Amino acid sequence: MGTAVSVVAALAAAAMFGTASVLQHDEASAEDPGGGFLRLSSIGRLVHRRRWRRAVALAAASFGMQALALSFGPLVLVQPLAATDLLFAMLLLAWRQRRRPSGGHAAHGTSRRPGHLAGNPGTGPAGDPAGRTGPAGDPAGPTGPAGDPVGGERRVRSLDWAGAALVAGGVAAFLALVPPGAGRSTPPAAAWTPVFGAIGGALVATLALGALVRTRPVARTALLAAAGAAVFSLVDALTKSVVGWIGAAGAGMFLQWEPYLLLVVGMLGTLLAQAAYQAGPLLVSLPVIDTVEPVGAVAIGATVFAEPLARSPGLLAVQLLAGAVAVSGIVLLDRSPRLAARATLGPPGEQPSHRP
C-alpha cells in the first residue's frame, strides 16, 4: 500500500511540476535577457506577476506532493518517477498549440529578442517570422528547405511517442529492479559532507563558466538549468530527511538543521531555475533539469541514505542501462518540434514580449 501511495504521489508531483515549468517559462522568458548571468532584479519583477506567482505556488505544491511520496518510498523510487514531468509538459504544450488562434499569434506575438533561441530563424520578406503560416493562416511552425513544416505532423508524432516510450520504459525497468528496503530515514550529519562539497563545487564551477558564456544563450541556459537541478536534487534529499525526522521526533524536527537548510537551498534552486527559464528556451532547460536532478537524487539516496539499487552487479548494470534509456528518451523529447515551436511561440492569445 505504501509503495502505491508513493508512486501515485510522485506522478502527481511530476504533473504539477511539468505544468508549473511551462507557466513559469511563459513569464520568465518575457523578461529581456540582458547581459547578466543571474539577475535578482528580474526575479523581483516576476514576483509582481500574478501568473508567475500562481505557477510558483503550483511548483511548491508539487514539492509537497513529492514529500508525501518520499514519506512512503525511497529516493531511488520517487525521483525517476518525478523525472517524467517532461511528459506532462509536452502534453500541455501540445494541447495549447492545438487551440492556438489561426494566424494571429504567430504573426504578431512572436518573441524575437536577440539571444533568446540559438539558431532563431529570422523574418521573411514581409517581416513575418520565419516560422510561416500555412495556406489557411494556421501556424505551420519552422519550415524546411521546401517550405514544408520540419518533419511534418507525422514525424512530430513519431518523435513524441518514441521519446515518451523510452522515458516510460526506462523508468519502469529501473524501478522494477529496485529491491525492497528503504535504507535509513535520518542519516547523520557526517554523511552529508561529501554531498555538500560536490554540489557546492558544481555551483562554483557553473558560475565561473557562466561568466565566460554570457553571449552564448544556449550554453548559459544549460549551465543554469544544471546548477538548479543539482540544487533540486539536494532539496529532494533534504525533504526526505525532514520527513524522516517528523516521523522520528515529531515537533523535535525543528531542533534539527535540515528544515532550515531546506528553505535556503529551495529558494536557491528556484532562483537558478527562473534564471534558466529567462535565459533561453524550455527545450534546453527542462530536459537538463529532468536528467541531472534524478541522477543526483538517486546518487544521494544510494550513498547518504544507504538505499539499495540492485541485488547484483549484473542487475545493477541492467538498471543503469534502463536509466540511460530513460535519459535518451528525455533527449529525444528535447528535440521534439513541439518544444521547438514553443521556444518561438508564446502562450495562446498573448504576447510574451514587453508585457507589463
Protein backbone atom coordinates (compact mmCIF):
# COMPACT_ATOMS: atom_id res chain seq x y z
CA MET A 1 0.00 0.00 0.00
CA GLY A 2 2.81 2.39 0.90
CA THR A 3 4.54 1.84 -2.45
CA ALA A 4 1.31 2.53 -4.34
CA VAL A 5 0.81 5.81 -2.48
CA SER A 6 4.42 6.76 -3.21
CA VAL A 7 4.06 6.04 -6.93
CA VAL A 8 0.78 7.95 -7.31
CA ALA A 9 2.09 10.93 -5.32
CA ALA A 10 5.33 11.01 -7.34
CA LEU A 11 3.42 11.02 -10.63
CA ALA A 12 1.13 13.76 -9.32
CA ALA A 13 4.20 15.79 -8.35
CA ALA A 14 5.61 15.28 -11.87
CA ALA A 15 2.37 16.51 -13.47
CA MET A 16 2.27 19.58 -11.25
CA PHE A 17 5.94 20.47 -11.75
CA GLY A 18 5.78 19.96 -15.53
CA THR A 19 2.78 22.29 -15.74
CA ALA A 20 4.41 24.84 -13.43
CA SER A 21 7.60 24.80 -15.51
CA VAL A 22 5.71 25.71 -18.68
CA LEU A 23 3.81 28.51 -16.92
CA GLN A 24 6.94 29.88 -15.24
CA HIS A 25 8.77 29.85 -18.56
CA ASP A 26 5.94 31.86 -20.12
CA GLU A 27 6.57 34.64 -17.63
CA ALA A 28 10.33 34.41 -17.18
CA SER A 29 11.01 34.37 -20.93
CA ALA A 30 9.17 37.68 -21.24
CA GLU A 31 12.00 39.37 -19.35
CA ASP A 32 14.73 40.82 -21.55
CA PRO A 33 17.75 38.53 -21.20
CA GLY A 34 20.21 41.42 -20.94
CA GLY A 35 23.85 40.74 -20.28
CA GLY A 36 23.69 39.41 -16.75
CA PHE A 37 24.13 35.78 -15.81
CA LEU A 38 21.85 35.81 -12.79
CA ARG A 39 19.74 38.92 -12.27
CA LEU A 40 17.88 39.35 -8.98
CA SER A 41 16.10 42.39 -10.42
CA SER A 42 14.34 40.16 -12.95
CA ILE A 43 13.11 37.87 -10.18
CA GLY A 44 11.83 40.94 -8.35
CA ARG A 45 9.77 41.95 -11.37
CA LEU A 46 8.43 38.43 -11.77
CA VAL A 47 7.16 38.46 -8.20
CA HIS A 48 4.71 41.19 -9.19
CA ARG A 49 3.15 39.00 -11.90
CA ARG A 50 0.09 37.09 -10.76
CA ARG A 51 0.52 34.23 -13.26
CA TRP A 52 4.12 33.72 -12.19
CA ARG A 53 3.14 33.61 -8.52
CA ARG A 54 0.46 31.03 -9.30
CA ALA A 55 2.99 28.92 -11.21
CA VAL A 56 5.44 29.09 -8.31
CA ALA A 57 2.64 28.08 -5.92
CA LEU A 58 1.92 25.08 -8.15
CA ALA A 59 5.62 24.16 -8.12
CA ALA A 60 5.66 24.45 -4.32
CA ALA A 61 2.60 22.18 -4.17
CA SER A 62 4.46 19.68 -6.33
CA PHE A 63 7.25 19.57 -3.76
CA GLY A 64 4.64 18.96 -1.07
CA MET A 65 3.27 16.05 -3.09
CA GLN A 66 6.82 14.81 -3.54
CA ALA A 67 7.33 14.96 0.22
CA LEU A 68 4.26 12.73 0.58
CA ALA A 69 5.78 10.31 -1.92
CA LEU A 70 9.10 10.30 -0.02
CA SER A 71 7.32 9.57 3.24
CA PHE A 72 6.17 6.25 1.76
CA GLY A 73 9.08 5.38 -0.53
CA PRO A 74 12.84 5.85 -1.05
CA LEU A 75 14.55 8.41 -3.25
CA VAL A 76 15.58 5.75 -5.76
CA LEU A 77 11.88 5.01 -6.31
CA VAL A 78 10.40 8.51 -6.21
CA GLN A 79 12.88 10.53 -8.26
CA PRO A 80 12.81 8.51 -11.50
CA LEU A 81 9.01 8.87 -11.45
CA ALA A 82 9.23 12.59 -10.70
CA ALA A 83 11.51 12.97 -13.74
CA THR A 84 8.54 12.22 -16.01
CA ASP A 85 7.41 15.85 -15.63
CA LEU A 86 8.68 16.49 -19.16
CA LEU A 87 5.96 14.17 -20.48
CA PHE A 88 3.28 16.22 -18.76
CA ALA A 89 4.85 19.44 -20.04
CA MET A 90 4.74 18.00 -23.56
CA LEU A 91 1.03 17.18 -23.18
CA LEU A 92 0.29 20.73 -22.06
CA LEU A 93 2.31 22.25 -24.91
CA ALA A 94 0.61 20.00 -27.49
CA TRP A 95 -2.84 20.95 -26.15
CA ARG A 96 -2.02 24.65 -26.20
CA GLN A 97 -0.67 24.52 -29.76
CA ARG A 98 -3.83 22.79 -30.98
CA ARG A 99 -6.04 25.56 -29.57
CA ARG A 100 -3.83 28.43 -30.83
CA PRO A 101 -5.85 31.03 -32.79
CA SER A 102 -5.40 30.96 -36.55
CA GLY A 103 -2.66 33.18 -37.86
CA GLY A 104 -2.80 35.72 -35.06
CA HIS A 105 -0.15 34.94 -32.56
CA ALA A 106 2.44 33.57 -34.93
CA ALA A 107 2.40 36.79 -36.88
CA HIS A 108 2.07 39.29 -34.06
CA GLY A 109 3.12 37.83 -30.73
CA THR A 110 6.35 36.04 -31.55
CA SER A 111 9.33 37.00 -29.45
CA ARG A 112 12.40 37.85 -31.49
CA ARG A 113 14.69 39.00 -28.72
CA PRO A 114 18.37 38.56 -29.58
CA GLY A 115 19.83 35.52 -27.95
CA HIS A 116 16.51 34.04 -26.83
CA LEU A 117 16.92 30.95 -29.02
CA ALA A 118 20.08 29.66 -30.60
CA GLY A 119 19.59 29.38 -34.31
CA ASN A 120 16.46 31.52 -34.02
CA PRO A 121 15.02 31.99 -37.50
CA GLY A 122 14.79 35.48 -38.86
CA THR A 123 11.87 37.10 -40.57
CA GLY A 124 10.54 36.73 -44.09
CA PRO A 125 10.44 39.34 -46.79
CA ALA A 126 7.32 40.96 -45.40
CA GLY A 127 8.55 40.93 -41.81
CA ASP A 128 6.72 37.73 -40.98
CA PRO A 129 8.51 35.28 -38.70
CA ALA A 130 10.39 32.52 -40.50
CA GLY A 131 8.05 30.05 -38.85
CA ARG A 132 5.46 30.85 -41.54
CA THR A 133 1.76 30.29 -41.65
CA GLY A 134 0.07 27.74 -43.87
CA PRO A 135 -2.42 28.40 -46.64
CA ALA A 136 -5.30 28.83 -44.23
CA GLY A 137 -3.34 31.10 -41.93
CA ASP A 138 -2.66 28.41 -39.36
CA PRO A 139 0.80 28.40 -37.84
CA ALA A 140 2.89 25.84 -39.64
CA GLY A 141 5.89 26.10 -37.35
CA PRO A 142 9.51 26.07 -38.53
CA THR A 143 9.83 25.23 -42.21
CA GLY A 144 12.29 23.14 -44.16
CA PRO A 145 14.00 23.84 -47.49
CA ALA A 146 10.79 23.37 -49.45
CA GLY A 147 8.72 25.50 -47.09
CA ASP A 148 7.01 22.48 -45.51
CA PRO A 149 6.86 22.10 -41.74
CA VAL A 150 10.01 20.48 -40.41
CA GLY A 151 9.44 16.73 -40.35
CA GLY A 152 5.70 17.15 -40.92
CA GLU A 153 2.95 16.21 -38.50
CA ARG A 154 3.70 12.51 -38.80
CA ARG A 155 7.30 12.97 -37.72
CA VAL A 156 6.23 15.18 -34.82
CA ARG A 157 4.01 12.40 -33.55
CA SER A 158 6.63 9.69 -34.01
CA LEU A 159 9.26 11.73 -32.14
CA ASP A 160 6.89 12.46 -29.29
CA TRP A 161 5.69 8.88 -28.96
CA ALA A 162 9.18 7.40 -29.27
CA GLY A 163 10.59 9.73 -26.65
CA ALA A 164 7.68 9.12 -24.30
CA ALA A 165 8.02 5.35 -24.74
CA LEU A 166 11.74 5.45 -23.98
CA VAL A 167 11.21 7.56 -20.85
CA ALA A 168 8.33 5.43 -19.57
CA GLY A 169 10.00 2.12 -20.44
CA GLY A 170 13.37 3.11 -18.99
CA VAL A 171 11.83 4.37 -15.76
CA ALA A 172 9.64 1.26 -15.45
CA ALA A 173 12.61 -1.07 -15.95
CA PHE A 174 14.72 0.90 -13.49
CA LEU A 175 12.01 0.75 -10.83
CA ALA A 176 11.31 -2.94 -11.43
CA LEU A 177 14.90 -3.72 -10.38
CA VAL A 178 14.80 -1.64 -7.19
CA PRO A 179 14.94 -4.15 -4.30
CA PRO A 180 12.74 -3.71 -1.21
CA GLY A 181 14.21 -1.72 1.64
CA ALA A 182 14.12 2.00 2.33
CA GLY A 183 17.58 2.47 3.87
CA ARG A 184 17.89 4.97 6.71
CA SER A 185 15.49 7.89 7.03
CA THR A 186 17.64 10.24 9.18
CA PRO A 187 21.29 10.00 8.12
CA PRO A 188 23.97 11.54 10.38
CA ALA A 189 25.41 14.94 9.57
CA ALA A 190 28.78 13.45 8.61
CA ALA A 191 27.15 11.53 5.75
CA TRP A 192 26.11 14.82 4.12
CA THR A 193 29.61 16.33 3.95
CA PRO A 194 30.62 14.82 0.56
CA VAL A 195 27.27 15.89 -0.93
CA PHE A 196 27.65 19.49 0.22
CA GLY A 197 31.19 19.56 -1.16
CA ALA A 198 30.17 18.13 -4.54
CA ILE A 199 27.15 20.40 -5.05
CA GLY A 200 28.98 23.46 -3.74
CA GLY A 201 31.85 22.79 -6.15
CA ALA A 202 29.39 22.33 -9.02
CA LEU A 203 27.77 25.70 -8.26
CA VAL A 204 31.11 27.50 -8.15
CA ALA A 205 32.11 25.90 -11.46
CA THR A 206 28.77 26.86 -13.00
CA LEU A 207 29.09 30.50 -12.01
CA ALA A 208 32.66 30.58 -13.29
CA LEU A 209 31.70 29.05 -16.63
CA GLY A 210 28.65 31.27 -16.84
CA ALA A 211 30.86 34.32 -16.72
CA LEU A 212 32.60 33.00 -19.85
CA VAL A 213 29.47 32.28 -21.90
CA ARG A 214 27.45 35.47 -21.43
CA THR A 215 26.99 35.78 -25.18
CA ARG A 216 26.01 32.13 -25.72
CA PRO A 217 22.39 31.79 -24.56
CA VAL A 218 22.04 28.03 -25.06
CA ALA A 219 25.18 27.27 -23.06
CA ARG A 220 24.14 29.75 -20.38
CA THR A 221 20.66 28.22 -20.16
CA ALA A 222 22.07 24.70 -19.88
CA LEU A 223 24.51 25.74 -17.13
CA LEU A 224 21.83 27.48 -15.11
CA ALA A 225 19.46 24.53 -15.52
CA ALA A 226 22.17 22.06 -14.49
CA ALA A 227 23.01 24.15 -11.43
CA GLY A 228 19.34 24.40 -10.50
CA ALA A 229 18.88 20.66 -11.00
CA ALA A 230 21.86 19.87 -8.76
CA VAL A 231 20.35 22.07 -6.04
CA PHE A 232 16.94 20.45 -6.57
CA SER A 233 18.49 17.02 -6.03
CA LEU A 234 19.71 18.30 -2.66
CA VAL A 235 16.21 19.69 -1.99
CA ASP A 236 14.79 16.22 -2.67
CA ALA A 237 17.24 14.59 -0.28
CA LEU A 238 16.68 17.16 2.47
CA THR A 239 12.93 16.74 2.06
CA LYS A 240 13.37 13.01 2.59
CA SER A 241 15.40 13.71 5.73
CA VAL A 242 12.86 16.22 7.09
CA VAL A 243 10.06 13.71 6.54
CA GLY A 244 12.13 11.14 8.41
CA TRP A 245 12.65 13.48 11.35
CA ILE A 246 8.93 14.25 11.50
CA GLY A 247 8.25 10.53 11.90
CA ALA A 248 11.05 10.04 14.41
CA ALA A 249 10.83 13.17 16.55
CA GLY A 250 7.60 15.00 15.72
CA ALA A 251 7.92 18.65 16.72
CA GLY A 252 11.54 17.90 17.63
CA MET A 253 12.17 18.12 13.92
CA PHE A 254 12.55 21.90 14.41
CA LEU A 255 15.62 21.25 16.59
CA GLN A 256 17.42 19.74 13.61
CA TRP A 257 19.34 21.64 10.96
CA GLU A 258 17.73 20.03 7.89
CA PRO A 259 14.47 22.09 7.78
CA TYR A 260 16.31 25.40 7.79
CA LEU A 261 18.83 24.37 5.16
CA LEU A 262 15.93 23.06 3.08
CA LEU A 263 14.41 26.56 2.99
CA VAL A 264 17.69 28.10 1.85
CA VAL A 265 18.50 25.59 -0.89
CA GLY A 266 14.86 25.59 -2.02
CA MET A 267 14.99 29.33 -2.65
CA LEU A 268 18.38 28.99 -4.36
CA GLY A 269 17.09 26.24 -6.66
CA THR A 270 14.04 28.33 -7.56
CA LEU A 271 16.25 31.33 -8.35
CA LEU A 272 18.51 29.26 -10.61
CA ALA A 273 15.54 27.65 -12.38
CA GLN A 274 13.90 31.03 -13.07
CA ALA A 275 17.20 32.36 -14.39
CA ALA A 276 17.41 29.36 -16.74
CA TYR A 277 13.83 29.94 -17.95
CA GLN A 278 14.67 33.59 -18.59
CA ALA A 279 17.96 32.86 -20.34
CA GLY A 280 16.62 30.58 -23.06
CA PRO A 281 14.00 28.17 -24.36
CA LEU A 282 12.30 25.43 -22.40
CA LEU A 283 13.64 22.78 -24.81
CA VAL A 284 17.08 23.39 -23.25
CA SER A 285 16.33 23.93 -19.57
CA LEU A 286 13.65 21.36 -18.72
CA PRO A 287 15.38 18.29 -20.25
CA VAL A 288 18.60 19.24 -18.42
CA ILE A 289 16.71 19.51 -15.13
CA ASP A 290 14.94 16.20 -15.78
CA THR A 291 18.26 14.48 -16.42
CA VAL A 292 20.50 15.94 -13.72
CA GLU A 293 18.03 16.08 -10.81
CA PRO A 294 17.01 12.39 -10.67
CA VAL A 295 20.59 11.21 -11.25
CA GLY A 296 21.80 13.39 -8.37
CA ALA A 297 18.91 12.39 -6.09
CA VAL A 298 19.39 8.67 -6.74
CA ALA A 299 23.13 9.05 -6.07
CA ILE A 300 22.40 10.81 -2.77
CA GLY A 301 19.83 8.17 -1.88
CA ALA A 302 22.29 5.35 -2.50
CA THR A 303 25.13 6.98 -0.56
CA VAL A 304 23.69 9.19 2.18
CA PHE A 305 20.50 7.21 2.84
CA ALA A 306 22.00 3.77 2.07
CA GLU A 307 19.10 2.94 -0.23
CA PRO A 308 19.72 -0.23 -2.28
CA LEU A 309 19.84 -0.09 -6.06
CA ALA A 310 20.13 -3.69 -7.32
CA ARG A 311 20.82 -7.14 -5.87
CA SER A 312 23.87 -7.99 -8.01
CA PRO A 313 26.41 -6.30 -10.28
CA GLY A 314 24.63 -7.74 -13.32
CA LEU A 315 21.26 -6.36 -12.28
CA LEU A 316 22.92 -3.05 -11.43
CA ALA A 317 24.30 -2.89 -14.98
CA VAL A 318 20.83 -3.56 -16.38
CA GLN A 319 19.39 -0.90 -14.08
CA LEU A 320 21.95 1.65 -15.23
CA LEU A 321 21.13 0.74 -18.83
CA ALA A 322 17.44 1.33 -18.11
CA GLY A 323 18.33 4.73 -16.69
CA ALA A 324 20.32 5.51 -19.84
CA VAL A 325 17.30 4.54 -21.95
CA ALA A 326 15.12 6.95 -19.98
CA VAL A 327 17.69 9.73 -20.43
CA SER A 328 17.81 9.05 -24.18
CA GLY A 329 14.03 9.47 -24.24
CA ILE A 330 14.40 12.81 -22.50
CA VAL A 331 16.96 13.87 -25.11
CA LEU A 332 14.63 12.77 -27.90
CA LEU A 333 11.74 14.71 -26.42
CA ASP A 334 14.12 17.65 -26.14
CA ARG A 335 14.41 17.64 -29.94
CA SER A 336 10.64 17.38 -30.46
CA PRO A 337 9.26 20.05 -32.84
CA ARG A 338 6.56 20.74 -30.25
CA LEU A 339 9.13 22.07 -27.80
CA ALA A 340 10.99 23.80 -30.63
CA ALA A 341 7.80 25.55 -31.68
CA ARG A 342 7.11 26.53 -28.06
CA ALA A 343 10.55 28.14 -27.94
CA THR A 344 9.49 30.66 -30.58
CA LEU A 345 5.75 30.92 -29.96
CA GLY A 346 4.31 32.13 -26.69
CA PRO A 347 1.10 31.03 -24.97
CA PRO A 348 -2.12 31.29 -26.95
CA GLY A 349 -3.72 34.69 -27.15
CA GLU A 350 -0.81 36.52 -25.51
CA GLN A 351 2.28 38.38 -26.50
CA PRO A 352 5.22 37.13 -24.46
CA SER A 353 7.34 40.17 -25.16
CA HIS A 354 7.03 43.51 -23.33
CA ARG A 355 4.13 42.53 -21.11
CA PRO A 356 3.65 44.89 -18.15
